[in-house]
Amino acid sequence: MNQTLTLNPPFSIQYPLTFNWKLYLKLFWILSFTSLFALLVFYIFQINAMTRLNFLVSNYEQKIISISEENQNLAISFSRYVDLENIEKLAKNLNFEKPEKIHYIKILESTVMAK
């Protein structure tokens, strides 16, 4: 006869936690939708910021165009008033007289400075 000795352990041997596919699949879908929603919200805010910046750029470009047109108009009007005939008319209106003889002050070379 065979004598066999079997010992019963004080604890029961069980398999580790069973792999619950349904639980992990549910967790996967929840995380997927949450990250998708977060990315969608981030995308909306980025599009909003980009649209606002494009509007500001176009607004500034229009201001630059209007200021450069105004600058050209001012340059044209300045060239009209700087004409020699206009300067002579302005001098007559301000009661300036044309000099007849010009006298220059002579400075000697030996003179440096006097108080």
PDB file of N, CA and C in Angstrom:
ATOM      1  N   MET A   1       0.802  -1.148   0.000  1.00  0.00           N
ATOM      2  CA  MET A   1       0.000   0.000   0.000  1.00  0.00           C
ATOM      3  C   MET A   1       0.867   1.241   0.000  1.00  0.00           C
ATOM      4  N   ASN A   2       0.374   2.187  -0.759  1.00  0.00           N
ATOM      5  CA  ASN A   2       1.088   3.472  -0.825  1.00  0.00           C
ATOM      6  C   ASN A   2       0.576   4.378   0.273  1.00  0.00           C
ATOM      7  N   GLN A   3       1.498   4.897   0.929  1.00  0.00           N
ATOM      8  CA  GLN A   3       1.115   5.846   1.956  1.00  0.00           C
ATOM      9  C   GLN A   3       1.385   7.245   1.425  1.00  0.00           C
ATOM     10  N   THR A   4       0.365   8.012   1.425  1.00  0.00           N
ATOM     11  CA  THR A   4       0.472   9.382   0.915  1.00  0.00           C
ATOM     12  C   THR A   4       0.090  10.319   2.033  1.00  0.00           C
ATOM     13  N   LEU A   5       0.903  11.309   2.137  1.00  0.00           N
ATOM     14  CA  LEU A   5       0.639  12.309   3.159  1.00  0.00           C
ATOM     15  C   LEU A   5       0.225  13.598   2.464  1.00  0.00           C
ATOM     16  N   THR A   6      -0.902  14.084   2.750  1.00  0.00           N
ATOM     17  CA  THR A   6      -1.373  15.356   2.193  1.00  0.00           C
ATOM     18  C   THR A   6      -1.579  16.331   3.330  1.00  0.00           C
ATOM     19  N   LEU A   7      -1.102  17.497   3.066  1.00  0.00           N
ATOM     20  CA  LEU A   7      -1.256  18.558   4.047  1.00  0.00           C
ATOM     21  C   LEU A   7      -2.240  19.573   3.512  1.00  0.00           C
ATOM     22  N   ASN A   8      -3.137  19.940   4.295  1.00  0.00           N
ATOM     23  CA  ASN A   8      -4.069  20.989   3.901  1.00  0.00           C
ATOM     24  C   ASN A   8      -3.501  22.332   4.372  1.00  0.00           C
ATOM     25  N   PRO A   9      -3.282  23.208   3.446  1.00  0.00           N
ATOM     26  CA  PRO A   9      -2.725  24.502   3.871  1.00  0.00           C
ATOM     27  C   PRO A   9      -3.762  25.309   4.649  1.00  0.00           C
ATOM     28  N   PRO A  10      -3.298  26.237   5.509  1.00  0.00           N
ATOM     29  CA  PRO A  10      -4.240  26.997   6.308  1.00  0.00           C
ATOM     30  C   PRO A  10      -5.017  28.031   5.484  1.00  0.00           C
ATOM     31  N   PHE A  11      -4.628  28.237   4.287  1.00  0.00           N
ATOM     32  CA  PHE A  11      -5.347  29.183   3.416  1.00  0.00           C
ATOM     33  C   PHE A  11      -5.686  28.475   2.126  1.00  0.00           C
ATOM     34  N   SER A  12      -6.674  29.014   1.486  1.00  0.00           N
ATOM     35  CA  SER A  12      -7.067  28.379   0.243  1.00  0.00           C
ATOM     36  C   SER A  12      -6.304  29.020  -0.916  1.00  0.00           C
ATOM     37  N   ILE A  13      -5.838  28.231  -1.795  1.00  0.00           N
ATOM     38  CA  ILE A  13      -5.108  28.719  -2.963  1.00  0.00           C
ATOM     39  C   ILE A  13      -6.143  29.039  -4.035  1.00  0.00           C
ATOM     40  N   GLN A  14      -6.112  30.317  -4.414  1.00  0.00           N
ATOM     41  CA  GLN A  14      -7.032  30.741  -5.463  1.00  0.00           C
ATOM     42  C   GLN A  14      -6.223  31.444  -6.541  1.00  0.00           C
ATOM     43  N   TYR A  15      -6.852  31.555  -7.643  1.00  0.00           N
ATOM     44  CA  TYR A  15      -6.213  32.297  -8.722  1.00  0.00           C
ATOM     45  C   TYR A  15      -6.200  33.775  -8.351  1.00  0.00           C
ATOM     46  N   PRO A  16      -5.200  34.523  -8.863  1.00  0.00           N
ATOM     47  CA  PRO A  16      -5.237  35.954  -8.587  1.00  0.00           C
ATOM     48  C   PRO A  16      -6.503  36.560  -9.163  1.00  0.00           C
ATOM     49  N   LEU A  17      -6.687  37.829  -8.927  1.00  0.00           N
ATOM     50  CA  LEU A  17      -7.905  38.508  -9.368  1.00  0.00           C
ATOM     51  C   LEU A  17      -8.214  38.161 -10.815  1.00  0.00           C
ATOM     52  N   THR A  18      -9.410  37.868 -11.048  1.00  0.00           N
ATOM     53  CA  THR A  18      -9.809  37.521 -12.407  1.00  0.00           C
ATOM     54  C   THR A  18      -9.795  38.782 -13.263  1.00  0.00           C
ATOM     55  N   PHE A  19      -9.410  38.635 -14.472  1.00  0.00           N
ATOM     56  CA  PHE A  19      -9.314  39.747 -15.407  1.00  0.00           C
ATOM     57  C   PHE A  19     -10.703  40.052 -15.924  1.00  0.00           C
ATOM     58  N   ASN A  20     -11.277  41.141 -15.445  1.00  0.00           N
ATOM     59  CA  ASN A  20     -12.637  41.499 -15.803  1.00  0.00           C
ATOM     60  C   ASN A  20     -12.595  42.417 -17.026  1.00  0.00           C
ATOM     61  N   TRP A  21     -12.846  41.877 -18.183  1.00  0.00           N
ATOM     62  CA  TRP A  21     -12.773  42.641 -19.429  1.00  0.00           C
ATOM     63  C   TRP A  21     -13.793  43.771 -19.466  1.00  0.00           C
ATOM     64  N   LYS A  22     -14.932  43.545 -18.961  1.00  0.00           N
ATOM     65  CA  LYS A  22     -15.989  44.555 -19.021  1.00  0.00           C
ATOM     66  C   LYS A  22     -15.615  45.790 -18.213  1.00  0.00           C
ATOM     67  N   LEU A  23     -15.009  45.577 -17.064  1.00  0.00           N
ATOM     68  CA  LEU A  23     -14.620  46.706 -16.230  1.00  0.00           C
ATOM     69  C   LEU A  23     -13.532  47.529 -16.910  1.00  0.00           C
ATOM     70  N   TYR A  24     -12.517  46.858 -17.450  1.00  0.00           N
ATOM     71  CA  TYR A  24     -11.427  47.577 -18.114  1.00  0.00           C
ATOM     72  C   TYR A  24     -11.888  48.257 -19.402  1.00  0.00           C
ATOM     73  N   LEU A  25     -12.791  47.638 -20.113  1.00  0.00           N
ATOM     74  CA  LEU A  25     -13.332  48.247 -21.325  1.00  0.00           C
ATOM     75  C   LEU A  25     -14.139  49.494 -20.990  1.00  0.00           C
ATOM     76  N   LYS A  26     -14.910  49.413 -19.923  1.00  0.00           N
ATOM     77  CA  LYS A  26     -15.683  50.581 -19.486  1.00  0.00           C
ATOM     78  C   LYS A  26     -14.757  51.711 -19.060  1.00  0.00           C
ATOM     79  N   LEU A  27     -13.718  51.393 -18.322  1.00  0.00           N
ATOM     80  CA  LEU A  27     -12.729  52.394 -17.902  1.00  0.00           C
ATOM     81  C   LEU A  27     -12.021  53.012 -19.106  1.00  0.00           C
ATOM     82  N   PHE A  28     -11.714  52.184 -20.098  1.00  0.00           N
ATOM     83  CA  PHE A  28     -11.077  52.683 -21.321  1.00  0.00           C
ATOM     84  C   PHE A  28     -11.973  53.690 -22.036  1.00  0.00           C
ATOM     85  N   TRP A  29     -13.262  53.366 -22.184  1.00  0.00           N
ATOM     86  CA  TRP A  29     -14.170  54.277 -22.883  1.00  0.00           C
ATOM     87  C   TRP A  29     -14.390  55.570 -22.101  1.00  0.00           C
ATOM     88  N   ILE A  30     -14.464  55.492 -20.788  1.00  0.00           N
ATOM     89  CA  ILE A  30     -14.631  56.701 -19.979  1.00  0.00           C
ATOM     90  C   ILE A  30     -13.428  57.619 -20.133  1.00  0.00           C
ATOM     91  N   LEU A  31     -12.234  57.050 -20.053  1.00  0.00           N
ATOM     92  CA  LEU A  31     -11.023  57.867 -20.230  1.00  0.00           C
ATOM     93  C   LEU A  31     -10.915  58.420 -21.651  1.00  0.00           C
ATOM     94  N   SER A  32     -11.319  57.640 -22.626  1.00  0.00           N
ATOM     95  CA  SER A  32     -11.272  58.102 -24.024  1.00  0.00           C
ATOM     96  C   SER A  32     -12.206  59.282 -24.248  1.00  0.00           C
ATOM     97  N   PHE A  33     -13.437  59.160 -23.782  1.00  0.00           N
ATOM     98  CA  PHE A  33     -14.388  60.260 -23.970  1.00  0.00           C
ATOM     99  C   PHE A  33     -13.999  61.496 -23.161  1.00  0.00           C
ATOM    100  N   THR A  34     -13.459  61.292 -21.979  1.00  0.00           N
ATOM    101  CA  THR A  34     -13.021  62.428 -21.168  1.00  0.00           C
ATOM    102  C   THR A  34     -11.878  63.176 -21.850  1.00  0.00           C
ATOM    103  N   SER A  35     -10.897  62.439 -22.343  1.00  0.00           N
ATOM    104  CA  SER A  35      -9.779  63.101 -23.036  1.00  0.00           C
ATOM    105  C   SER A  35     -10.241  63.735 -24.348  1.00  0.00           C
ATOM    106  N   LEU A  36     -11.167  63.103 -25.053  1.00  0.00           N
ATOM    107  CA  LEU A  36     -11.704  63.678 -26.279  1.00  0.00           C
ATOM    108  C   LEU A  36     -12.442  64.983 -25.993  1.00  0.00           C
ATOM    109  N   PHE A  37     -13.223  64.998 -24.931  1.00  0.00           N
ATOM    110  CA  PHE A  37     -13.953  66.214 -24.547  1.00  0.00           C
ATOM    111  C   PHE A  37     -12.964  67.322 -24.154  1.00  0.00           C
ATOM    112  N   ALA A  38     -11.926  66.985 -23.403  1.00  0.00           N
ATOM    113  CA  ALA A  38     -10.932  67.985 -22.998  1.00  0.00           C
ATOM    114  C   ALA A  38     -10.211  68.553 -24.219  1.00  0.00           C
ATOM    115  N   LEU A  39      -9.855  67.709 -25.161  1.00  0.00           N
ATOM    116  CA  LEU A  39      -9.189  68.185 -26.380  1.00  0.00           C
ATOM    117  C   LEU A  39     -10.126  69.042 -27.225  1.00  0.00           C
ATOM    118  N   LEU A  40     -11.396  68.696 -27.263  1.00  0.00           N
ATOM    119  CA  LEU A  40     -12.373  69.481 -28.013  1.00  0.00           C
ATOM    120  C   LEU A  40     -12.522  70.878 -27.408  1.00  0.00           C
ATOM    121  N   VAL A  41     -12.592  70.960 -26.092  1.00  0.00           N
ATOM    122  CA  VAL A  41     -12.695  72.261 -25.418  1.00  0.00           C
ATOM    123  C   VAL A  41     -11.435  73.080 -25.676  1.00  0.00           C
ATOM    124  N   PHE A  42     -10.269  72.447 -25.577  1.00  0.00           N
ATOM    125  CA  PHE A  42      -9.009  73.134 -25.857  1.00  0.00           C
ATOM    126  C   PHE A  42      -8.970  73.649 -27.299  1.00  0.00           C
ATOM    127  N   TYR A  43      -9.450  72.848 -28.241  1.00  0.00           N
ATOM    128  CA  TYR A  43      -9.494  73.238 -29.647  1.00  0.00           C
ATOM    129  C   TYR A  43     -10.396  74.456 -29.852  1.00  0.00           C
ATOM    130  N   ILE A  44     -11.540  74.473 -29.191  1.00  0.00           N
ATOM    131  CA  ILE A  44     -12.467  75.604 -29.326  1.00  0.00           C
ATOM    132  C   ILE A  44     -11.822  76.885 -28.797  1.00  0.00           C
ATOM    133  N   PHE A  45     -11.150  76.806 -27.645  1.00  0.00           N
ATOM    134  CA  PHE A  45     -10.485  77.996 -27.108  1.00  0.00           C
ATOM    135  C   PHE A  45      -9.357  78.470 -28.020  1.00  0.00           C
ATOM    136  N   GLN A  46      -8.624  77.553 -28.616  1.00  0.00           N
ATOM    137  CA  GLN A  46      -7.539  77.935 -29.520  1.00  0.00           C
ATOM    138  C   GLN A  46      -8.082  78.598 -30.782  1.00  0.00           C
ATOM    139  N   ILE A  47      -9.146  78.075 -31.332  1.00  0.00           N
ATOM    140  CA  ILE A  47      -9.758  78.681 -32.528  1.00  0.00           C
ATOM    141  C   ILE A  47     -10.277  80.073 -32.198  1.00  0.00           C
ATOM    142  N   ASN A  48     -10.866  80.245 -31.019  1.00  0.00           N
ATOM    143  CA  ASN A  48     -11.365  81.543 -30.591  1.00  0.00           C
ATOM    144  C   ASN A  48     -10.219  82.546 -30.477  1.00  0.00           C
ATOM    145  N   ALA A  49      -9.110  82.145 -29.874  1.00  0.00           N
ATOM    146  CA  ALA A  49      -7.956  83.037 -29.727  1.00  0.00           C
ATOM    147  C   ALA A  49      -7.369  83.381 -31.098  1.00  0.00           C
ATOM    148  N   MET A  50      -7.281  82.416 -31.981  1.00  0.00           N
ATOM    149  CA  MET A  50      -6.718  82.661 -33.303  1.00  0.00           C
ATOM    150  C   MET A  50      -7.614  83.598 -34.114  1.00  0.00           C
ATOM    151  N   THR A  51      -8.925  83.445 -34.007  1.00  0.00           N
ATOM    152  CA  THR A  51      -9.854  84.325 -34.712  1.00  0.00           C
ATOM    153  C   THR A  51      -9.732  85.756 -34.201  1.00  0.00           C
ATOM    154  N   ARG A  52      -9.629  85.917 -32.882  1.00  0.00           N
ATOM    155  CA  ARG A  52      -9.479  87.255 -32.305  1.00  0.00           C
ATOM    156  C   ARG A  52      -8.179  87.916 -32.775  1.00  0.00           C
ATOM    157  N   LEU A  53      -7.089  87.152 -32.807  1.00  0.00           N
ATOM    158  CA  LEU A  53      -5.816  87.713 -33.264  1.00  0.00           C
ATOM    159  C   LEU A  53      -5.862  88.076 -34.748  1.00  0.00           C
ATOM    160  N   ASN A  54      -6.518  87.261 -35.562  1.00  0.00           N
ATOM    161  CA  ASN A  54      -6.652  87.592 -36.986  1.00  0.00           C
ATOM    162  C   ASN A  54      -7.457  88.868 -37.173  1.00  0.00           C
ATOM    163  N   PHE A  55      -8.505  89.052 -36.376  1.00  0.00           N
ATOM    164  CA  PHE A  55      -9.289  90.285 -36.446  1.00  0.00           C
ATOM    165  C   PHE A  55      -8.433  91.489 -36.067  1.00  0.00           C
ATOM    166  N   LEU A  56      -7.638  91.362 -35.008  1.00  0.00           N
ATOM    167  CA  LEU A  56      -6.772  92.468 -34.592  1.00  0.00           C
ATOM    168  C   LEU A  56      -5.732  92.801 -35.664  1.00  0.00           C
ATOM    169  N   VAL A  57      -5.166  91.786 -36.280  1.00  0.00           N
ATOM    170  CA  VAL A  57      -4.169  92.015 -37.331  1.00  0.00           C
ATOM    171  C   VAL A  57      -4.792  92.744 -38.510  1.00  0.00           C
ATOM    172  N   SER A  58      -5.965  92.317 -38.938  1.00  0.00           N
ATOM    173  CA  SER A  58      -6.618  92.990 -40.069  1.00  0.00           C
ATOM    174  C   SER A  58      -6.995  94.426 -39.702  1.00  0.00           C
ATOM    175  N   ASN A  59      -7.403  94.653 -38.459  1.00  0.00           N
ATOM    176  CA  ASN A  59      -7.736  95.994 -38.005  1.00  0.00           C
ATOM    177  C   ASN A  59      -6.487  96.884 -38.027  1.00  0.00           C
ATOM    178  N   TYR A  60      -5.366  96.352 -37.546  1.00  0.00           N
ATOM    179  CA  TYR A  60      -4.121  97.133 -37.555  1.00  0.00           C
ATOM    180  C   TYR A  60      -3.622  97.381 -38.975  1.00  0.00           C
ATOM    181  N   GLU A  61      -3.819  96.425 -39.865  1.00  0.00           N
ATOM    182  CA  GLU A  61      -3.419  96.635 -41.259  1.00  0.00           C
ATOM    183  C   GLU A  61      -4.226  97.762 -41.897  1.00  0.00           C
ATOM    184  N   GLN A  62      -5.514  97.826 -41.590  1.00  0.00           N
ATOM    185  CA  GLN A  62      -6.343  98.923 -42.113  1.00  0.00           C
ATOM    186  C   GLN A  62      -5.890 100.259 -41.547  1.00  0.00           C
ATOM    187  N   LYS A  63      -5.518 100.293 -40.265  1.00  0.00           N
ATOM    188  CA  LYS A  63      -5.013 101.534 -39.676  1.00  0.00           C
ATOM    189  C   LYS A  63      -3.700 101.953 -40.332  1.00  0.00           C
ATOM    190  N   ILE A  64      -2.824 101.000 -40.610  1.00  0.00           N
ATOM    191  CA  ILE A  64      -1.547 101.302 -41.263  1.00  0.00           C
ATOM    192  C   ILE A  64      -1.794 101.880 -42.654  1.00  0.00           C
ATOM    193  N   ILE A  65      -2.738 101.294 -43.387  1.00  0.00           N
ATOM    194  CA  ILE A  65      -3.045 101.796 -44.732  1.00  0.00           C
ATOM    195  C   ILE A  65      -3.581 103.218 -44.657  1.00  0.00           C
ATOM    196  N   SER A  66      -4.501 103.483 -43.711  1.00  0.00           N
ATOM    197  CA  SER A  66      -5.070 104.838 -43.619  1.00  0.00           C
ATOM    198  C   SER A  66      -4.012 105.846 -43.166  1.00  0.00           C
ATOM    199  N   ILE A  67      -3.129 105.465 -42.274  1.00  0.00           N
ATOM    200  CA  ILE A  67      -2.077 106.390 -41.824  1.00  0.00           C
ATOM    201  C   ILE A  67      -1.079 106.652 -42.942  1.00  0.00           C
ATOM    202  N   SER A  68      -0.732 105.642 -43.737  1.00  0.00           N
ATOM    203  CA  SER A  68       0.194 105.879 -44.850  1.00  0.00           C
ATOM    204  C   SER A  68      -0.445 106.746 -45.930  1.00  0.00           C
ATOM    205  N   GLU A  69      -1.760 106.591 -46.168  1.00  0.00           N
ATOM    206  CA  GLU A  69      -2.435 107.491 -47.117  1.00  0.00           C
ATOM    207  C   GLU A  69      -2.435 108.927 -46.591  1.00  0.00           C
ATOM    208  N   GLU A  70      -2.680 109.077 -45.300  1.00  0.00           N
ATOM    209  CA  GLU A  70      -2.643 110.415 -44.701  1.00  0.00           C
ATOM    210  C   GLU A  70      -1.240 111.005 -44.778  1.00  0.00           C
ATOM    211  N   ASN A  71      -0.226 110.167 -44.614  1.00  0.00           N
ATOM    212  CA  ASN A  71       1.155 110.624 -44.723  1.00  0.00           C
ATOM    213  C   ASN A  71       1.469 111.103 -46.135  1.00  0.00           C
ATOM    214  N   GLN A  72       0.980 110.374 -47.122  1.00  0.00           N
ATOM    215  CA  GLN A  72       1.196 110.803 -48.507  1.00  0.00           C
ATOM    216  C   GLN A  72       0.493 112.129 -48.778  1.00  0.00           C
ATOM    217  N   ASN A  73      -0.726 112.290 -48.272  1.00  0.00           N
ATOM    218  CA  ASN A  73      -1.438 113.557 -48.462  1.00  0.00           C
ATOM    219  C   ASN A  73      -0.703 114.714 -47.787  1.00  0.00           C
ATOM    220  N   LEU A  74      -0.167 114.469 -46.598  1.00  0.00           N
ATOM    221  CA  LEU A  74       0.596 115.513 -45.914  1.00  0.00           C
ATOM    222  C   LEU A  74       1.875 115.857 -46.667  1.00  0.00           C
ATOM    223  N   ALA A  75       2.525 114.860 -47.258  1.00  0.00           N
ATOM    224  CA  ALA A  75       3.744 115.119 -48.031  1.00  0.00           C
ATOM    225  C   ALA A  75       3.421 115.964 -49.266  1.00  0.00           C
ATOM    226  N   ILE A  76       2.286 115.665 -49.903  1.00  0.00           N
ATOM    227  CA  ILE A  76       1.887 116.443 -51.081  1.00  0.00           C
ATOM    228  C   ILE A  76       1.555 117.880 -50.689  1.00  0.00           C
ATOM    229  N   SER A  77       0.800 118.052 -49.610  1.00  0.00           N
ATOM    230  CA  SER A  77       0.464 119.418 -49.191  1.00  0.00           C
ATOM    231  C   SER A  77       1.699 120.172 -48.708  1.00  0.00           C
ATOM    232  N   PHE A  78       2.649 119.487 -48.086  1.00  0.00           N
ATOM    233  CA  PHE A  78       3.892 120.142 -47.662  1.00  0.00           C
ATOM    234  C   PHE A  78       4.696 120.606 -48.869  1.00  0.00           C
ATOM    235  N   SER A  79       4.735 119.772 -49.923  1.00  0.00           N
ATOM    236  CA  SER A  79       5.487 120.167 -51.117  1.00  0.00           C
ATOM    237  C   SER A  79       4.837 121.372 -51.807  1.00  0.00           C
ATOM    238  N   ARG A  80       3.541 121.538 -51.677  1.00  0.00           N
ATOM    239  CA  ARG A  80       2.874 122.708 -52.256  1.00  0.00           C
ATOM    240  C   ARG A  80       3.255 123.982 -51.502  1.00  0.00           C
ATOM    241  N   TYR A  81       3.334 123.889 -50.178  1.00  0.00           N
ATOM    242  CA  TYR A  81       3.614 125.085 -49.381  1.00  0.00           C
ATOM    243  C   TYR A  81       5.091 125.437 -49.333  1.00  0.00           C
ATOM    244  N   VAL A  82       5.958 124.518 -49.651  1.00  0.00           N
ATOM    245  CA  VAL A  82       7.383 124.784 -49.603  1.00  0.00           C
ATOM    246  C   VAL A  82       7.872 125.403 -50.922  1.00  0.00           C
ATOM    247  N   ASP A  83       7.048 125.518 -51.880  1.00  0.00           N
ATOM    248  CA  ASP A  83       7.411 126.113 -53.159  1.00  0.00           C
ATOM    249  C   ASP A  83       7.958 127.525 -52.940  1.00  0.00           C
ATOM    250  N   LEU A  84       8.921 127.934 -53.740  1.00  0.00           N
ATOM    251  CA  LEU A  84       9.608 129.215 -53.571  1.00  0.00           C
ATOM    252  C   LEU A  84       8.649 130.397 -53.712  1.00  0.00           C
ATOM    253  N   GLU A  85       7.696 130.328 -54.603  1.00  0.00           N
ATOM    254  CA  GLU A  85       6.734 131.421 -54.778  1.00  0.00           C
ATOM    255  C   GLU A  85       5.894 131.604 -53.511  1.00  0.00           C
ATOM    256  N   ASN A  86       5.491 130.520 -52.925  1.00  0.00           N
ATOM    257  CA  ASN A  86       4.704 130.620 -51.698  1.00  0.00           C
ATOM    258  C   ASN A  86       5.521 131.210 -50.555  1.00  0.00           C
ATOM    259  N   ILE A  87       6.808 130.904 -50.528  1.00  0.00           N
ATOM    260  CA  ILE A  87       7.662 131.474 -49.481  1.00  0.00           C
ATOM    261  C   ILE A  87       7.788 132.980 -49.674  1.00  0.00           C
ATOM    262  N   GLU A  88       7.917 133.429 -50.918  1.00  0.00           N
ATOM    263  CA  GLU A  88       7.998 134.874 -51.179  1.00  0.00           C
ATOM    264  C   GLU A  88       6.696 135.567 -50.783  1.00  0.00           C
ATOM    265  N   LYS A  89       5.552 134.960 -51.089  1.00  0.00           N
ATOM    266  CA  LYS A  89       4.270 135.543 -50.689  1.00  0.00           C
ATOM    267  C   LYS A  89       4.159 135.605 -49.167  1.00  0.00           C
ATOM    268  N   LEU A  90       4.607 134.580 -48.522  1.00  0.00           N
ATOM    269  CA  LEU A  90       4.574 134.560 -47.064  1.00  0.00           C
ATOM    270  C   LEU A  90       5.483 135.635 -46.479  1.00  0.00           C
ATOM    271  N   ALA A  91       6.655 135.844 -47.081  1.00  0.00           N
ATOM    272  CA  ALA A  91       7.573 136.881 -46.596  1.00  0.00           C
ATOM    273  C   ALA A  91       6.955 138.269 -46.781  1.00  0.00           C
ATOM    274  N   LYS A  92       6.255 138.495 -47.892  1.00  0.00           N
ATOM    275  CA  LYS A  92       5.602 139.789 -48.103  1.00  0.00           C
ATOM    276  C   LYS A  92       4.472 139.997 -47.096  1.00  0.00           C
ATOM    277  N   ASN A  93       3.724 138.949 -46.813  1.00  0.00           N
ATOM    278  CA  ASN A  93       2.628 139.061 -45.848  1.00  0.00           C
ATOM    279  C   ASN A  93       3.143 139.341 -44.427  1.00  0.00           C
ATOM    280  N   LEU A  94       4.338 138.880 -44.114  1.00  0.00           N
ATOM    281  CA  LEU A  94       4.911 139.104 -42.788  1.00  0.00           C
ATOM    282  C   LEU A  94       5.746 140.387 -42.723  1.00  0.00           C
ATOM    283  N   ASN A  95       5.703 141.198 -43.777  1.00  0.00           N
ATOM    284  CA  ASN A  95       6.418 142.491 -43.860  1.00  0.00           C
ATOM    285  C   ASN A  95       7.933 142.336 -43.782  1.00  0.00           C
ATOM    286  N   PHE A  96       8.450 141.284 -44.366  1.00  0.00           N
ATOM    287  CA  PHE A  96       9.894 141.162 -44.486  1.00  0.00           C
ATOM    288  C   PHE A  96      10.346 141.971 -45.685  1.00  0.00           C
ATOM    289  N   GLU A  97      11.581 142.454 -45.616  1.00  0.00           N
ATOM    290  CA  GLU A  97      12.143 143.223 -46.731  1.00  0.00           C
ATOM    291  C   GLU A  97      13.349 142.489 -47.274  1.00  0.00           C
ATOM    292  N   LYS A  98      13.594 142.701 -48.562  1.00  0.00           N
ATOM    293  CA  LYS A  98      14.724 142.078 -49.214  1.00  0.00           C
ATOM    294  C   LYS A  98      15.985 142.878 -48.879  1.00  0.00           C
ATOM    295  N   PRO A  99      17.052 142.247 -48.434  1.00  0.00           N
ATOM    296  CA  PRO A  99      18.272 143.003 -48.103  1.00  0.00           C
ATOM    297  C   PRO A  99      18.944 143.525 -49.359  1.00  0.00           C
ATOM    298  N   GLU A 100      19.467 144.742 -49.282  1.00  0.00           N
ATOM    299  CA  GLU A 100      20.144 145.329 -50.431  1.00  0.00           C
ATOM    300  C   GLU A 100      21.632 145.060 -50.405  1.00  0.00           C
ATOM    301  N   LYS A 101      22.255 145.258 -49.267  1.00  0.00           N
ATOM    302  CA  LYS A 101      23.681 145.045 -49.166  1.00  0.00           C
ATOM    303  C   LYS A 101      23.949 144.209 -47.915  1.00  0.00           C
ATOM    304  N   ILE A 102      24.800 143.222 -48.068  1.00  0.00           N
ATOM    305  CA  ILE A 102      25.068 142.310 -46.972  1.00  0.00           C
ATOM    306  C   ILE A 102      26.423 142.665 -46.371  1.00  0.00           C
ATOM    307  N   HIS A 103      26.484 142.821 -45.058  1.00  0.00           N
ATOM    308  CA  HIS A 103      27.728 143.091 -44.340  1.00  0.00           C
ATOM    309  C   HIS A 103      28.060 141.878 -43.473  1.00  0.00           C
ATOM    310  N   TYR A 104      29.257 141.370 -43.637  1.00  0.00           N
ATOM    311  CA  TYR A 104      29.697 140.218 -42.862  1.00  0.00           C
ATOM    312  C   TYR A 104      30.577 140.672 -41.714  1.00  0.00           C
ATOM    313  N   ILE A 105      30.561 139.996 -40.616  1.00  0.00           N
ATOM    314  CA  ILE A 105      31.419 140.292 -39.474  1.00  0.00           C
ATOM    315  C   ILE A 105      32.739 139.585 -39.707  1.00  0.00           C
ATOM    316  N   LYS A 106      33.833 140.347 -39.566  1.00  0.00           N
ATOM    317  CA  LYS A 106      35.165 139.780 -39.781  1.00  0.00           C
ATOM    318  C   LYS A 106      35.746 139.383 -38.430  1.00  0.00           C
ATOM    319  N   ILE A 107      36.185 138.156 -38.341  1.00  0.00           N
ATOM    320  CA  ILE A 107      36.802 137.646 -37.125  1.00  0.00           C
ATOM    321  C   ILE A 107      38.272 137.413 -37.420  1.00  0.00           C
ATOM    322  N   LEU A 108      39.133 137.988 -36.580  1.00  0.00           N
ATOM    323  CA  LEU A 108      40.562 137.810 -36.774  1.00  0.00           C
ATOM    324  C   LEU A 108      40.972 136.411 -36.347  1.00  0.00           C
ATOM    325  N   GLU A 109      42.010 135.924 -37.001  1.00  0.00           N
ATOM    326  CA  GLU A 109      42.457 134.564 -36.699  1.00  0.00           C
ATOM    327  C   GLU A 109      43.109 134.482 -35.317  1.00  0.00           C
ATOM    328  N   SER A 110      43.679 135.582 -34.833  1.00  0.00           N
ATOM    329  CA  SER A 110      44.345 135.539 -33.541  1.00  0.00           C
ATOM    330  C   SER A 110      43.347 135.569 -32.384  1.00  0.00           C
ATOM    331  N   THR A 111      42.128 135.973 -32.639  1.00  0.00           N
ATOM    332  CA  THR A 111      41.118 136.033 -31.580  1.00  0.00           C
ATOM    333  C   THR A 111      40.556 134.628 -31.336  1.00  0.00           C
ATOM    334  N   VAL A 112      40.575 134.231 -30.051  1.00  0.00           N
ATOM    335  CA  VAL A 112      40.054 132.918 -29.736  1.00  0.00           C
ATOM    336  C   VAL A 112      38.640 133.053 -29.194  1.00  0.00           C
ATOM    337  N   MET A 113      38.538 133.750 -28.053  1.00  0.00           N
ATOM    338  CA  MET A 113      37.246 133.932 -27.458  1.00  0.00           C
ATOM    339  C   MET A 113      37.302 135.048 -26.449  1.00  0.00           C
ATOM    340  N   ALA A 114      36.270 135.805 -26.360  1.00  0.00           N
ATOM    341  CA  ALA A 114      36.238 136.906 -25.399  1.00  0.00           C
ATOM    342  C   ALA A 114      34.933 136.864 -24.623  1.00  0.00           C
ATOM    343  N   LYS A 115      35.033 137.275 -23.350  1.00  0.00           N
ATOM    344  CA  LYS A 115      33.831 137.308 -22.526  1.00  0.00           C
ATOM    345  C   LYS A 115      33.249 138.692 -22.506  1.00  0.00           C
TER     346      LYS A 115
END
